[in-house]
PDB file of N, CA and C in Angstrom:
ATOM      1  N   UNK A   1      12.844 -53.312 152.033  1.00  0.00           N
ATOM      2  CA  UNK A   1      12.446 -53.037 150.665  1.00  0.00           C
ATOM      3  C   UNK A   1      11.839 -54.309 150.072  1.00  0.00           C
ATOM      4  N   UNK A   2      10.664 -54.205 149.488  1.00  0.00           N
ATOM      5  CA  UNK A   2       9.997 -55.373 148.933  1.00  0.00           C
ATOM      6  C   UNK A   2      10.539 -55.692 147.544  1.00  0.00           C
ATOM      7  N   UNK A   3      10.484 -56.976 147.156  1.00  0.00           N
ATOM      8  CA  UNK A   3      10.967 -57.349 145.826  1.00  0.00           C
ATOM      9  C   UNK A   3      10.145 -56.703 144.725  1.00  0.00           C
ATOM     10  N   UNK A   4      10.778 -56.440 143.612  1.00  0.00           N
ATOM     11  CA  UNK A   4      10.122 -55.867 142.449  1.00  0.00           C
ATOM     12  C   UNK A   4       9.304 -56.959 141.763  1.00  0.00           C
ATOM     13  N   UNK A   5       7.979 -56.823 141.668  1.00  0.00           N
ATOM     14  CA  UNK A   5       7.172 -57.876 141.060  1.00  0.00           C
ATOM     15  C   UNK A   5       7.554 -58.131 139.602  1.00  0.00           C
ATOM     16  N   UNK A   6       8.059 -57.144 138.892  1.00  0.00           N
ATOM     17  CA  UNK A   6       8.449 -57.341 137.503  1.00  0.00           C
ATOM     18  C   UNK A   6       9.713 -58.185 137.401  1.00  0.00           C
ATOM     19  N   UNK A   7      10.516 -58.239 138.465  1.00  0.00           N
ATOM     20  CA  UNK A   7      11.765 -58.990 138.433  1.00  0.00           C
ATOM     21  C   UNK A   7      11.557 -60.453 138.787  1.00  0.00           C
ATOM     22  N   UNK A   8      10.389 -60.789 139.310  1.00  0.00           N
ATOM     23  CA  UNK A   8      10.130 -62.175 139.661  1.00  0.00           C
ATOM     24  C   UNK A   8       9.083 -62.743 138.714  1.00  0.00           C
ATOM     25  N   UNK A   9       8.900 -64.030 138.779  1.00  0.00           N
ATOM     26  CA  UNK A   9       7.935 -64.684 137.923  1.00  0.00           C
ATOM     27  C   UNK A   9       8.514 -65.981 137.423  1.00  0.00           C
ATOM     28  N   UNK A  10       7.822 -66.648 136.527  1.00  0.00           N
ATOM     29  CA  UNK A  10       8.315 -67.922 136.017  1.00  0.00           C
ATOM     30  C   UNK A  10       9.670 -67.745 135.334  1.00  0.00           C
ATOM     31  N   UNK A  11      10.518 -68.725 135.525  1.00  0.00           N
ATOM     32  CA  UNK A  11      11.825 -68.712 134.884  1.00  0.00           C
ATOM     33  C   UNK A  11      11.641 -69.165 133.445  1.00  0.00           C
ATOM     34  N   UNK A  12      12.182 -68.381 132.535  1.00  0.00           N
ATOM     35  CA  UNK A  12      12.121 -68.768 131.122  1.00  0.00           C
ATOM     36  C   UNK A  12      13.311 -69.659 130.797  1.00  0.00           C
ATOM     37  N   UNK A  13      13.147 -70.522 129.820  1.00  0.00           N
ATOM     38  CA  UNK A  13      14.213 -71.430 129.438  1.00  0.00           C
ATOM     39  C   UNK A  13      15.306 -70.668 128.687  1.00  0.00           C
ATOM     40  N   UNK A  14      16.502 -71.261 128.662  1.00  0.00           N
ATOM     41  CA  UNK A  14      17.607 -70.679 127.915  1.00  0.00           C
ATOM     42  C   UNK A  14      17.246 -70.576 126.436  1.00  0.00           C
ATOM     43  N   UNK A  15      16.554 -71.584 125.917  1.00  0.00           N
ATOM     44  CA  UNK A  15      16.161 -71.569 124.505  1.00  0.00           C
ATOM     45  C   UNK A  15      15.217 -70.404 124.210  1.00  0.00           C
ATOM     46  N   UNK A  16      14.261 -70.169 125.115  1.00  0.00           N
ATOM     47  CA  UNK A  16      13.327 -69.057 124.924  1.00  0.00           C
ATOM     48  C   UNK A  16      14.054 -67.715 124.970  1.00  0.00           C
ATOM     49  N   UNK A  17      14.964 -67.567 125.932  1.00  0.00           N
ATOM     50  CA  UNK A  17      15.719 -66.323 126.037  1.00  0.00           C
ATOM     51  C   UNK A  17      16.604 -66.112 124.815  1.00  0.00           C
ATOM     52  N   UNK A  18      17.267 -67.168 124.353  1.00  0.00           N
ATOM     53  CA  UNK A  18      18.088 -67.064 123.146  1.00  0.00           C
ATOM     54  C   UNK A  18      17.252 -66.636 121.947  1.00  0.00           C
ATOM     55  N   UNK A  19      16.060 -67.190 121.822  1.00  0.00           N
ATOM     56  CA  UNK A  19      15.180 -66.822 120.712  1.00  0.00           C
ATOM     57  C   UNK A  19      14.800 -65.349 120.788  1.00  0.00           C
ATOM     58  N   UNK A  20      14.527 -64.862 121.979  1.00  0.00           N
ATOM     59  CA  UNK A  20      14.179 -63.446 122.138  1.00  0.00           C
ATOM     60  C   UNK A  20      15.365 -62.548 121.818  1.00  0.00           C
ATOM     61  N   UNK A  21      16.560 -62.969 122.219  1.00  0.00           N
ATOM     62  CA  UNK A  21      17.767 -62.190 121.913  1.00  0.00           C
ATOM     63  C   UNK A  21      17.978 -62.148 120.400  1.00  0.00           C
ATOM     64  N   UNK A  22      17.854 -63.301 119.743  1.00  0.00           N
ATOM     65  CA  UNK A  22      18.030 -63.351 118.279  1.00  0.00           C
ATOM     66  C   UNK A  22      16.993 -62.495 117.558  1.00  0.00           C
ATOM     67  N   UNK A  23      15.752 -62.522 118.033  1.00  0.00           N
ATOM     68  CA  UNK A  23      14.700 -61.730 117.404  1.00  0.00           C
ATOM     69  C   UNK A  23      14.947 -60.232 117.592  1.00  0.00           C
ATOM     70  N   UNK A  24      15.488 -59.863 118.735  1.00  0.00           N
ATOM     71  CA  UNK A  24      15.755 -58.459 119.019  1.00  0.00           C
ATOM     72  C   UNK A  24      16.892 -57.939 118.148  1.00  0.00           C
ATOM     73  N   UNK A  25      17.955 -58.726 118.053  1.00  0.00           N
ATOM     74  CA  UNK A  25      19.133 -58.294 117.298  1.00  0.00           C
ATOM     75  C   UNK A  25      19.275 -59.220 116.104  1.00  0.00           C
ATOM     76  N   UNK A  26      18.401 -59.040 115.145  1.00  0.00           N
ATOM     77  CA  UNK A  26      18.281 -59.951 114.021  1.00  0.00           C
ATOM     78  C   UNK A  26      19.437 -59.873 113.043  1.00  0.00           C
ATOM     79  N   UNK A  27      20.192 -58.753 113.011  1.00  0.00           N
ATOM     80  CA  UNK A  27      21.344 -58.653 112.109  1.00  0.00           C
ATOM     81  C   UNK A  27      22.436 -57.833 112.792  1.00  0.00           C
ATOM     82  N   UNK A  28      23.659 -58.386 112.886  1.00  0.00           N
ATOM     83  CA  UNK A  28      24.727 -57.696 113.612  1.00  0.00           C
ATOM     84  C   UNK A  28      25.143 -56.363 112.997  1.00  0.00           C
ATOM     85  N   UNK A  29      24.847 -56.135 111.720  1.00  0.00           N
ATOM     86  CA  UNK A  29      25.218 -54.872 111.086  1.00  0.00           C
ATOM     87  C   UNK A  29      24.226 -53.748 111.394  1.00  0.00           C
ATOM     88  N   UNK A  30      23.078 -54.105 111.955  1.00  0.00           N
ATOM     89  CA  UNK A  30      22.057 -53.109 112.279  1.00  0.00           C
ATOM     90  C   UNK A  30      22.189 -52.757 113.765  1.00  0.00           C
ATOM     91  N   UNK A  31      22.533 -51.503 114.066  1.00  0.00           N
ATOM     92  CA  UNK A  31      22.705 -51.131 115.480  1.00  0.00           C
ATOM     93  C   UNK A  31      21.366 -51.104 116.225  1.00  0.00           C
ATOM     94  N   UNK A  32      21.447 -51.410 117.507  1.00  0.00           N
ATOM     95  CA  UNK A  32      20.263 -51.374 118.363  1.00  0.00           C
ATOM     96  C   UNK A  32      20.025 -49.953 118.849  1.00  0.00           C
ATOM     97  N   UNK A  33      18.756 -49.633 119.078  1.00  0.00           N
ATOM     98  CA  UNK A  33      18.430 -48.356 119.712  1.00  0.00           C
ATOM     99  C   UNK A  33      18.822 -48.452 121.188  1.00  0.00           C
ATOM    100  N   UNK A  34      18.781 -47.359 121.876  1.00  0.00           N
ATOM    101  CA  UNK A  34      19.091 -47.343 123.312  1.00  0.00           C
ATOM    102  C   UNK A  34      18.142 -48.269 124.073  1.00  0.00           C
ATOM    103  N   UNK A  35      16.862 -48.239 123.721  1.00  0.00           N
ATOM    104  CA  UNK A  35      15.881 -49.092 124.387  1.00  0.00           C
ATOM    105  C   UNK A  35      16.122 -50.565 124.061  1.00  0.00           C
ATOM    106  N   UNK A  36      16.441 -50.859 122.804  1.00  0.00           N
ATOM    107  CA  UNK A  36      16.739 -52.238 122.420  1.00  0.00           C
ATOM    108  C   UNK A  36      17.997 -52.746 123.119  1.00  0.00           C
ATOM    109  N   UNK A  37      18.993 -51.893 123.259  1.00  0.00           N
ATOM    110  CA  UNK A  37      20.235 -52.275 123.940  1.00  0.00           C
ATOM    111  C   UNK A  37      19.938 -52.606 125.400  1.00  0.00           C
ATOM    112  N   UNK A  38      19.094 -51.821 126.048  1.00  0.00           N
ATOM    113  CA  UNK A  38      18.721 -52.089 127.443  1.00  0.00           C
ATOM    114  C   UNK A  38      18.005 -53.434 127.552  1.00  0.00           C
ATOM    115  N   UNK A  39      17.092 -53.724 126.623  1.00  0.00           N
ATOM    116  CA  UNK A  39      16.379 -55.002 126.616  1.00  0.00           C
ATOM    117  C   UNK A  39      17.352 -56.152 126.356  1.00  0.00           C
ATOM    118  N   UNK A  40      18.272 -55.961 125.419  1.00  0.00           N
ATOM    119  CA  UNK A  40      19.290 -56.967 125.106  1.00  0.00           C
ATOM    120  C   UNK A  40      20.116 -57.288 126.353  1.00  0.00           C
ATOM    121  N   UNK A  41      20.557 -56.266 127.053  1.00  0.00           N
ATOM    122  CA  UNK A  41      21.352 -56.475 128.269  1.00  0.00           C
ATOM    123  C   UNK A  41      20.549 -57.177 129.352  1.00  0.00           C
ATOM    124  N   UNK A  42      19.260 -56.829 129.489  1.00  0.00           N
ATOM    125  CA  UNK A  42      18.402 -57.482 130.478  1.00  0.00           C
ATOM    126  C   UNK A  42      18.222 -58.964 130.137  1.00  0.00           C
ATOM    127  N   UNK A  43      17.983 -59.255 128.859  1.00  0.00           N
ATOM    128  CA  UNK A  43      17.819 -60.639 128.431  1.00  0.00           C
ATOM    129  C   UNK A  43      19.103 -61.441 128.641  1.00  0.00           C
ATOM    130  N   UNK A  44      20.247 -60.844 128.328  1.00  0.00           N
ATOM    131  CA  UNK A  44      21.529 -61.536 128.524  1.00  0.00           C
ATOM    132  C   UNK A  44      21.781 -61.813 130.003  1.00  0.00           C
ATOM    133  N   UNK A  45      21.437 -60.862 130.864  1.00  0.00           N
ATOM    134  CA  UNK A  45      21.609 -61.063 132.306  1.00  0.00           C
ATOM    135  C   UNK A  45      20.688 -62.177 132.799  1.00  0.00           C
ATOM    136  N   UNK A  46      19.458 -62.205 132.318  1.00  0.00           N
ATOM    137  CA  UNK A  46      18.519 -63.261 132.702  1.00  0.00           C
ATOM    138  C   UNK A  46      19.022 -64.618 132.208  1.00  0.00           C
ATOM    139  N   UNK A  47      19.542 -64.651 130.990  1.00  0.00           N
ATOM    140  CA  UNK A  47      20.086 -65.887 130.438  1.00  0.00           C
ATOM    141  C   UNK A  47      21.261 -66.383 131.288  1.00  0.00           C
ATOM    142  N   UNK A  48      22.122 -65.482 131.704  1.00  0.00           N
ATOM    143  CA  UNK A  48      23.259 -65.864 132.548  1.00  0.00           C
ATOM    144  C   UNK A  48      22.774 -66.456 133.869  1.00  0.00           C
ATOM    145  N   UNK A  49      21.723 -65.838 134.476  1.00  0.00           N
ATOM    146  CA  UNK A  49      21.184 -66.374 135.735  1.00  0.00           C
ATOM    147  C   UNK A  49      20.612 -67.775 135.518  1.00  0.00           C
ATOM    148  N   UNK A  50      19.903 -67.976 134.411  1.00  0.00           N
ATOM    149  CA  UNK A  50      19.318 -69.285 134.107  1.00  0.00           C
ATOM    150  C   UNK A  50      20.425 -70.311 133.927  1.00  0.00           C
ATOM    151  N   UNK A  51      21.461 -69.943 133.182  1.00  0.00           N
ATOM    152  CA  UNK A  51      22.556 -70.884 132.935  1.00  0.00           C
ATOM    153  C   UNK A  51      23.320 -71.213 134.215  1.00  0.00           C
ATOM    154  N   UNK A  52      23.536 -70.233 135.076  1.00  0.00           N
ATOM    155  CA  UNK A  52      24.216 -70.492 136.355  1.00  0.00           C
ATOM    156  C   UNK A  52      23.378 -71.393 137.250  1.00  0.00           C
ATOM    157  N   UNK A  53      22.063 -71.232 137.169  1.00  0.00           N
ATOM    158  CA  UNK A  53      21.174 -72.028 138.006  1.00  0.00           C
ATOM    159  C   UNK A  53      20.912 -73.410 137.451  1.00  0.00           C
ATOM    160  N   UNK A  54      21.390 -73.688 136.264  1.00  0.00           N
ATOM    161  CA  UNK A  54      21.187 -74.995 135.669  1.00  0.00           C
ATOM    162  C   UNK A  54      19.772 -75.242 135.204  1.00  0.00           C
ATOM    163  N   UNK A  55      18.991 -74.191 135.008  1.00  0.00           N
ATOM    164  CA  UNK A  55      17.611 -74.337 134.552  1.00  0.00           C
ATOM    165  C   UNK A  55      17.632 -74.601 133.057  1.00  0.00           C
ATOM    166  N   UNK A  56      16.994 -75.674 132.620  1.00  0.00           N
ATOM    167  CA  UNK A  56      16.967 -75.997 131.201  1.00  0.00           C
ATOM    168  C   UNK A  56      15.591 -75.814 130.595  1.00  0.00           C
ATOM    169  N   UNK A  57      14.565 -75.684 131.428  1.00  0.00           N
ATOM    170  CA  UNK A  57      13.206 -75.467 130.929  1.00  0.00           C
ATOM    171  C   UNK A  57      12.481 -74.536 131.882  1.00  0.00           C
ATOM    172  N   UNK A  58      11.449 -73.892 131.381  1.00  0.00           N
ATOM    173  CA  UNK A  58      10.672 -72.996 132.231  1.00  0.00           C
ATOM    174  C   UNK A  58      10.071 -73.781 133.388  1.00  0.00           C
ATOM    175  N   UNK A  59      10.194 -73.245 134.585  1.00  0.00           N
ATOM    176  CA  UNK A  59       9.664 -73.882 135.783  1.00  0.00           C
ATOM    177  C   UNK A  59       8.825 -72.849 136.515  1.00  0.00           C
ATOM    178  N   UNK A  60       7.500 -72.921 136.420  1.00  0.00           N
ATOM    179  CA  UNK A  60       6.654 -71.893 137.020  1.00  0.00           C
ATOM    180  C   UNK A  60       6.728 -71.843 138.544  1.00  0.00           C
ATOM    181  N   UNK A  61       7.315 -72.840 139.188  1.00  0.00           N
ATOM    182  CA  UNK A  61       7.411 -72.829 140.639  1.00  0.00           C
ATOM    183  C   UNK A  61       8.689 -72.157 141.118  1.00  0.00           C
ATOM    184  N   UNK A  62       9.620 -71.902 140.226  1.00  0.00           N
ATOM    185  CA  UNK A  62      10.892 -71.290 140.601  1.00  0.00           C
ATOM    186  C   UNK A  62      10.908 -69.837 140.166  1.00  0.00           C
ATOM    187  N   UNK A  63      11.270 -68.949 141.052  1.00  0.00           N
ATOM    188  CA  UNK A  63      11.364 -67.533 140.716  1.00  0.00           C
ATOM    189  C   UNK A  63      12.776 -67.055 140.982  1.00  0.00           C
ATOM    190  N   UNK A  64      13.194 -66.108 140.178  1.00  0.00           N
ATOM    191  CA  UNK A  64      14.517 -65.528 140.360  1.00  0.00           C
ATOM    192  C   UNK A  64      14.465 -64.507 141.484  1.00  0.00           C
ATOM    193  N   UNK A  65      15.534 -64.366 142.236  1.00  0.00           N
ATOM    194  CA  UNK A  65      15.551 -63.345 143.272  1.00  0.00           C
ATOM    195  C   UNK A  65      15.520 -61.954 142.644  1.00  0.00           C
ATOM    196  N   UNK A  66      14.923 -61.018 143.331  1.00  0.00           N
ATOM    197  CA  UNK A  66      14.869 -59.645 142.836  1.00  0.00           C
ATOM    198  C   UNK A  66      16.274 -59.090 142.757  1.00  0.00           C
ATOM    199  N   UNK A  67      16.534 -58.351 141.709  1.00  0.00           N
ATOM    200  CA  UNK A  67      17.871 -57.768 141.501  1.00  0.00           C
ATOM    201  C   UNK A  67      18.094 -56.576 142.395  1.00  0.00           C
TER     202      UNK A  67
END
């Protein structure tokens, strides 16, 4: 099975991912739609991978393994 091209690409920084998470869920009292919740979970999973890998800035030469 070949890797999913959408799952690979430049690694985004933790700061960039945090900003996207904050922009998506701008107020905790406002519930997310099903699609927003899926995006939130994807961003959180990507952030966890970045933090485990010790990546602090975007590195276009490093790609995450396909999930």
